Amino acid sequence: MNPRLRGWLLLLAAVLAEVTGSISMKAALDDPRLYTITGIAYAGAFVLLSGVLRLGVPLGVAYGTWAAAGVALTAIGSAVLFGEPFTPLMGMGIVLIAAGVLLVELGSSHTRRARDTVEL
């Protein structure tokens, strides 16, 4: 598998693990047994994020994407699962988060291409 694709798939798994940990933490308020899932999910998220970094994804891109996607998906998940409010302003915030992550990725890709061109 292409290392770049593998990095993005690992990053997706890390995001989903982090969101699972956050959602299960809220659910554990009613059922403390779910704290086990919270711990496992958070540990898994960090292990997966480490794997992403080992594949060469820049820290700013990996962590920025992980954190931003986690915030967005947790907000959506908590609205769906727990009936927490999700306002238009929150929706706009998620759009801005996505735009910011895209800009960080584009900037990082541009820098890598420029560096690779110079090294040739």
N, C-alpha and C. Protein backbone atom coordinates (compact mmCIF):
# COMPACT_ATOMS: atom_id res chain seq x y z
N MET A 1 0.85 -1.18 0.00
CA MET A 1 0.00 0.00 0.00
C MET A 1 0.89 1.24 0.00
N ASN A 2 0.48 2.23 -0.72
CA ASN A 2 1.17 3.51 -0.79
C ASN A 2 1.34 4.08 0.63
N PRO A 3 2.56 4.48 1.03
CA PRO A 3 2.77 5.00 2.39
C PRO A 3 1.92 6.23 2.70
N ARG A 4 1.71 7.08 1.71
CA ARG A 4 0.88 8.28 1.94
C ARG A 4 -0.55 7.87 2.26
N LEU A 5 -1.09 6.93 1.48
CA LEU A 5 -2.45 6.44 1.74
C LEU A 5 -2.51 5.75 3.09
N ARG A 6 -1.50 4.96 3.41
CA ARG A 6 -1.47 4.28 4.70
C ARG A 6 -1.45 5.30 5.84
N GLY A 7 -0.71 6.39 5.66
CA GLY A 7 -0.68 7.45 6.67
C GLY A 7 -2.05 8.07 6.89
N TRP A 8 -2.75 8.36 5.80
CA TRP A 8 -4.09 8.96 5.93
C TRP A 8 -5.08 7.98 6.55
N LEU A 9 -4.96 6.70 6.21
CA LEU A 9 -5.86 5.70 6.80
C LEU A 9 -5.59 5.53 8.30
N LEU A 10 -4.31 5.53 8.67
CA LEU A 10 -3.97 5.46 10.10
C LEU A 10 -4.47 6.71 10.83
N LEU A 11 -4.35 7.86 10.17
CA LEU A 11 -4.82 9.10 10.78
C LEU A 11 -6.34 9.06 10.96
N LEU A 12 -7.05 8.54 9.99
CA LEU A 12 -8.51 8.39 10.11
C LEU A 12 -8.83 7.48 11.29
N ALA A 13 -8.11 6.38 11.42
CA ALA A 13 -8.34 5.46 12.54
C ALA A 13 -8.04 6.15 13.88
N ALA A 14 -6.98 6.97 13.91
CA ALA A 14 -6.64 7.70 15.14
C ALA A 14 -7.75 8.68 15.52
N VAL A 15 -8.29 9.37 14.53
CA VAL A 15 -9.39 10.31 14.78
C VAL A 15 -10.60 9.56 15.32
N LEU A 16 -10.96 8.46 14.68
CA LEU A 16 -12.13 7.70 15.12
C LEU A 16 -11.92 7.14 16.53
N ALA A 17 -10.71 6.73 16.85
CA ALA A 17 -10.42 6.24 18.21
C ALA A 17 -10.58 7.37 19.22
N GLU A 18 -10.08 8.56 18.88
CA GLU A 18 -10.18 9.70 19.79
C GLU A 18 -11.63 10.12 20.00
N VAL A 19 -12.41 10.13 18.94
CA VAL A 19 -13.83 10.49 19.05
C VAL A 19 -14.57 9.43 19.87
N THR A 20 -14.24 8.17 19.66
CA THR A 20 -14.84 7.10 20.46
C THR A 20 -14.53 7.31 21.94
N GLY A 21 -13.29 7.67 22.24
CA GLY A 21 -12.92 7.94 23.63
C GLY A 21 -13.70 9.09 24.22
N SER A 22 -13.85 10.16 23.46
CA SER A 22 -14.58 11.33 23.96
C SER A 22 -16.06 11.04 24.16
N ILE A 23 -16.65 10.37 23.19
CA ILE A 23 -18.08 10.04 23.29
C ILE A 23 -18.32 9.06 24.43
N SER A 24 -17.44 8.06 24.57
CA SER A 24 -17.64 7.08 25.65
C SER A 24 -17.41 7.71 27.02
N MET A 25 -16.58 8.75 27.09
CA MET A 25 -16.38 9.44 28.36
C MET A 25 -17.69 10.08 28.81
N LYS A 26 -18.39 10.70 27.88
CA LYS A 26 -19.68 11.31 28.22
C LYS A 26 -20.68 10.22 28.62
N ALA A 27 -20.72 9.12 27.88
CA ALA A 27 -21.64 8.03 28.19
C ALA A 27 -21.30 7.37 29.52
N ALA A 28 -20.02 7.39 29.89
CA ALA A 28 -19.59 6.76 31.15
C ALA A 28 -20.13 7.49 32.38
N LEU A 29 -20.60 8.71 32.21
CA LEU A 29 -21.22 9.40 33.34
C LEU A 29 -22.45 8.64 33.84
N ASP A 30 -23.13 7.95 32.91
CA ASP A 30 -24.29 7.13 33.27
C ASP A 30 -23.92 5.67 33.53
N ASP A 31 -22.86 5.20 32.90
CA ASP A 31 -22.43 3.81 33.05
C ASP A 31 -20.90 3.78 33.20
N PRO A 32 -20.40 3.81 34.43
CA PRO A 32 -18.95 3.90 34.66
C PRO A 32 -18.13 2.78 34.01
N ARG A 33 -18.74 1.68 33.66
CA ARG A 33 -17.99 0.62 32.98
C ARG A 33 -17.41 1.11 31.65
N LEU A 34 -18.03 2.13 31.08
CA LEU A 34 -17.57 2.65 29.79
C LEU A 34 -16.24 3.40 29.89
N TYR A 35 -15.79 3.70 31.11
CA TYR A 35 -14.47 4.33 31.24
C TYR A 35 -13.37 3.43 30.70
N THR A 36 -13.59 2.13 30.72
CA THR A 36 -12.62 1.20 30.15
C THR A 36 -12.47 1.46 28.65
N ILE A 37 -13.59 1.62 27.98
CA ILE A 37 -13.55 1.93 26.54
C ILE A 37 -12.87 3.26 26.31
N THR A 38 -13.15 4.23 27.19
CA THR A 38 -12.52 5.54 27.06
C THR A 38 -11.00 5.41 27.09
N GLY A 39 -10.49 4.70 28.08
CA GLY A 39 -9.04 4.53 28.20
C GLY A 39 -8.43 3.80 27.02
N ILE A 40 -9.07 2.72 26.61
CA ILE A 40 -8.55 1.94 25.48
C ILE A 40 -8.57 2.78 24.20
N ALA A 41 -9.66 3.52 24.00
CA ALA A 41 -9.78 4.33 22.79
C ALA A 41 -8.73 5.43 22.75
N TYR A 42 -8.52 6.12 23.88
CA TYR A 42 -7.50 7.17 23.90
C TYR A 42 -6.10 6.60 23.71
N ALA A 43 -5.81 5.48 24.35
CA ALA A 43 -4.50 4.84 24.16
C ALA A 43 -4.31 4.45 22.70
N GLY A 44 -5.35 3.87 22.12
CA GLY A 44 -5.29 3.50 20.71
C GLY A 44 -5.07 4.70 19.81
N ALA A 45 -5.73 5.80 20.13
CA ALA A 45 -5.58 7.02 19.32
C ALA A 45 -4.12 7.48 19.30
N PHE A 46 -3.47 7.45 20.47
CA PHE A 46 -2.07 7.90 20.52
C PHE A 46 -1.13 6.92 19.84
N VAL A 47 -1.40 5.63 19.96
CA VAL A 47 -0.57 4.64 19.26
C VAL A 47 -0.71 4.83 17.75
N LEU A 48 -1.94 5.01 17.29
CA LEU A 48 -2.16 5.22 15.86
C LEU A 48 -1.53 6.52 15.37
N LEU A 49 -1.65 7.58 16.17
CA LEU A 49 -1.04 8.85 15.79
C LEU A 49 0.48 8.71 15.71
N SER A 50 1.07 7.95 16.61
CA SER A 50 2.52 7.68 16.54
C SER A 50 2.88 6.97 15.24
N GLY A 51 2.03 6.03 14.84
CA GLY A 51 2.25 5.33 13.58
C GLY A 51 2.20 6.27 12.39
N VAL A 52 1.30 7.23 12.44
CA VAL A 52 1.20 8.23 11.37
C VAL A 52 2.51 9.01 11.28
N LEU A 53 3.04 9.42 12.43
CA LEU A 53 4.29 10.18 12.44
C LEU A 53 5.45 9.33 11.95
N ARG A 54 5.46 8.04 12.28
CA ARG A 54 6.52 7.14 11.81
C ARG A 54 6.52 7.03 10.29
N LEU A 55 5.37 7.20 9.68
CA LEU A 55 5.29 7.13 8.22
C LEU A 55 5.76 8.42 7.55
N GLY A 56 6.12 9.41 8.35
CA GLY A 56 6.67 10.63 7.78
C GLY A 56 5.70 11.78 7.60
N VAL A 57 4.47 11.62 8.07
CA VAL A 57 3.52 12.73 7.99
C VAL A 57 4.01 13.80 8.96
N PRO A 58 4.13 15.05 8.51
CA PRO A 58 4.61 16.10 9.41
C PRO A 58 3.71 16.25 10.64
N LEU A 59 4.32 16.55 11.78
CA LEU A 59 3.59 16.67 13.03
C LEU A 59 2.47 17.70 12.94
N GLY A 60 2.74 18.85 12.34
CA GLY A 60 1.71 19.89 12.23
C GLY A 60 0.49 19.42 11.47
N VAL A 61 0.72 18.67 10.41
CA VAL A 61 -0.39 18.14 9.62
C VAL A 61 -1.11 17.05 10.38
N ALA A 62 -0.36 16.09 10.93
CA ALA A 62 -0.97 14.95 11.62
C ALA A 62 -1.76 15.41 12.84
N TYR A 63 -1.11 16.18 13.71
CA TYR A 63 -1.78 16.59 14.94
C TYR A 63 -2.91 17.57 14.64
N GLY A 64 -2.68 18.50 13.73
CA GLY A 64 -3.72 19.46 13.38
C GLY A 64 -4.96 18.78 12.83
N THR A 65 -4.76 17.83 11.94
CA THR A 65 -5.88 17.10 11.36
C THR A 65 -6.58 16.27 12.42
N TRP A 66 -5.80 15.57 13.24
CA TRP A 66 -6.34 14.72 14.30
C TRP A 66 -7.19 15.53 15.26
N ALA A 67 -6.64 16.63 15.74
CA ALA A 67 -7.35 17.45 16.72
C ALA A 67 -8.58 18.12 16.11
N ALA A 68 -8.43 18.68 14.92
CA ALA A 68 -9.54 19.40 14.30
C ALA A 68 -10.68 18.45 13.93
N ALA A 69 -10.34 17.32 13.34
CA ALA A 69 -11.38 16.36 12.98
C ALA A 69 -12.04 15.81 14.24
N GLY A 70 -11.24 15.62 15.29
CA GLY A 70 -11.81 15.15 16.56
C GLY A 70 -12.81 16.13 17.13
N VAL A 71 -12.49 17.41 17.11
CA VAL A 71 -13.41 18.44 17.60
C VAL A 71 -14.70 18.42 16.79
N ALA A 72 -14.56 18.41 15.48
CA ALA A 72 -15.74 18.46 14.61
C ALA A 72 -16.62 17.22 14.79
N LEU A 73 -16.02 16.04 14.74
CA LEU A 73 -16.81 14.81 14.85
C LEU A 73 -17.39 14.62 16.24
N THR A 74 -16.68 15.06 17.27
CA THR A 74 -17.22 14.96 18.62
C THR A 74 -18.42 15.88 18.79
N ALA A 75 -18.35 17.08 18.24
CA ALA A 75 -19.49 18.00 18.32
C ALA A 75 -20.71 17.41 17.61
N ILE A 76 -20.49 16.85 16.44
CA ILE A 76 -21.60 16.25 15.69
C ILE A 76 -22.12 15.01 16.43
N GLY A 77 -21.21 14.16 16.89
CA GLY A 77 -21.61 12.95 17.60
C GLY A 77 -22.36 13.23 18.88
N SER A 78 -21.93 14.25 19.62
CA SER A 78 -22.62 14.56 20.87
C SER A 78 -24.00 15.14 20.61
N ALA A 79 -24.16 15.83 19.49
CA ALA A 79 -25.50 16.33 19.13
C ALA A 79 -26.42 15.17 18.77
N VAL A 80 -25.89 14.23 18.00
CA VAL A 80 -26.70 13.08 17.56
C VAL A 80 -27.00 12.13 18.72
N LEU A 81 -25.98 11.79 19.50
CA LEU A 81 -26.14 10.76 20.52
C LEU A 81 -26.71 11.26 21.84
N PHE A 82 -26.39 12.51 22.19
CA PHE A 82 -26.78 13.01 23.51
C PHE A 82 -27.74 14.20 23.44
N GLY A 83 -28.11 14.60 22.24
CA GLY A 83 -29.03 15.72 22.09
C GLY A 83 -28.43 17.06 22.49
N GLU A 84 -27.10 17.16 22.50
CA GLU A 84 -26.47 18.43 22.82
C GLU A 84 -26.69 19.41 21.68
N PRO A 85 -26.69 20.70 21.97
CA PRO A 85 -26.98 21.68 20.92
C PRO A 85 -25.91 21.68 19.82
N PHE A 86 -26.37 21.90 18.62
CA PHE A 86 -25.49 22.09 17.47
C PHE A 86 -26.05 23.26 16.69
N THR A 87 -25.42 24.40 16.84
CA THR A 87 -25.94 25.64 16.27
C THR A 87 -25.30 25.94 14.92
N PRO A 88 -25.92 26.83 14.16
CA PRO A 88 -25.30 27.25 12.89
C PRO A 88 -23.89 27.82 13.10
N LEU A 89 -23.69 28.52 14.19
CA LEU A 89 -22.36 29.06 14.48
C LEU A 89 -21.34 27.93 14.67
N MET A 90 -21.76 26.85 15.33
CA MET A 90 -20.88 25.69 15.48
C MET A 90 -20.58 25.07 14.12
N GLY A 91 -21.60 25.00 13.27
CA GLY A 91 -21.41 24.48 11.92
C GLY A 91 -20.40 25.30 11.13
N MET A 92 -20.50 26.63 11.26
CA MET A 92 -19.54 27.50 10.58
C MET A 92 -18.13 27.28 11.15
N GLY A 93 -18.05 27.06 12.44
CA GLY A 93 -16.76 26.77 13.06
C GLY A 93 -16.13 25.51 12.50
N ILE A 94 -16.95 24.49 12.29
CA ILE A 94 -16.45 23.24 11.72
C ILE A 94 -15.96 23.45 10.30
N VAL A 95 -16.68 24.26 9.53
CA VAL A 95 -16.24 24.58 8.17
C VAL A 95 -14.89 25.30 8.21
N LEU A 96 -14.74 26.24 9.13
CA LEU A 96 -13.47 26.95 9.26
C LEU A 96 -12.34 26.02 9.70
N ILE A 97 -12.66 25.08 10.59
CA ILE A 97 -11.66 24.08 11.01
C ILE A 97 -11.20 23.28 9.79
N ALA A 98 -12.15 22.82 8.98
CA ALA A 98 -11.81 22.03 7.79
C ALA A 98 -10.95 22.86 6.83
N ALA A 99 -11.30 24.13 6.66
CA ALA A 99 -10.51 25.00 5.79
C ALA A 99 -9.09 25.17 6.33
N GLY A 100 -8.97 25.32 7.63
CA GLY A 100 -7.65 25.47 8.24
C GLY A 100 -6.80 24.23 8.07
N VAL A 101 -7.39 23.06 8.26
CA VAL A 101 -6.65 21.81 8.08
C VAL A 101 -6.19 21.69 6.62
N LEU A 102 -7.07 22.04 5.69
CA LEU A 102 -6.72 21.98 4.27
C LEU A 102 -5.54 22.91 3.97
N LEU A 103 -5.57 24.12 4.52
CA LEU A 103 -4.48 25.06 4.29
C LEU A 103 -3.16 24.56 4.88
N VAL A 104 -3.22 23.96 6.06
CA VAL A 104 -2.00 23.41 6.67
C VAL A 104 -1.44 22.29 5.80
N GLU A 105 -2.30 21.41 5.31
CA GLU A 105 -1.87 20.31 4.45
C GLU A 105 -1.28 20.84 3.14
N LEU A 106 -1.95 21.81 2.52
CA LEU A 106 -1.44 22.37 1.27
C LEU A 106 -0.09 23.06 1.49
N GLY A 107 0.03 23.79 2.58
CA GLY A 107 1.30 24.44 2.89
C GLY A 107 2.41 23.44 3.13
N SER A 108 2.09 22.36 3.81
CA SER A 108 3.08 21.32 4.08
C SER A 108 3.49 20.62 2.80
N SER A 109 2.52 20.32 1.93
CA SER A 109 2.83 19.66 0.66
C SER A 109 3.70 20.55 -0.21
N HIS A 110 3.38 21.84 -0.23
CA HIS A 110 4.16 22.79 -1.02
C HIS A 110 5.61 22.84 -0.52
N THR A 111 5.78 22.87 0.79
CA THR A 111 7.12 22.91 1.38
C THR A 111 7.89 21.63 1.06
N ARG A 112 7.23 20.47 1.15
CA ARG A 112 7.91 19.20 0.84
C ARG A 112 8.33 19.16 -0.63
N ARG A 113 7.44 19.61 -1.53
CA ARG A 113 7.78 19.61 -2.96
C ARG A 113 8.97 20.53 -3.24
N ALA A 114 8.96 21.71 -2.62
CA ALA A 114 10.06 22.66 -2.83
C ALA A 114 11.37 22.07 -2.30
N ARG A 115 11.33 21.42 -1.15
CA ARG A 115 12.52 20.81 -0.56
C ARG A 115 13.03 19.67 -1.44
N ASP A 116 12.10 18.84 -1.93
CA ASP A 116 12.50 17.71 -2.77
C ASP A 116 13.11 18.20 -4.08
N THR A 117 12.61 19.29 -4.62
CA THR A 117 13.14 19.85 -5.85
C THR A 117 14.56 20.35 -5.63
N VAL A 118 14.80 21.00 -4.52
CA VAL A 118 16.13 21.54 -4.21
C VAL A 118 17.12 20.40 -4.00
N GLU A 119 16.69 19.32 -3.35
CA GLU A 119 17.59 18.21 -3.06
C GLU A 119 17.98 17.43 -4.30
N LEU A 120 17.20 17.49 -5.36
CA LEU A 120 17.55 16.77 -6.58
C LEU A 120 18.75 17.42 -7.19
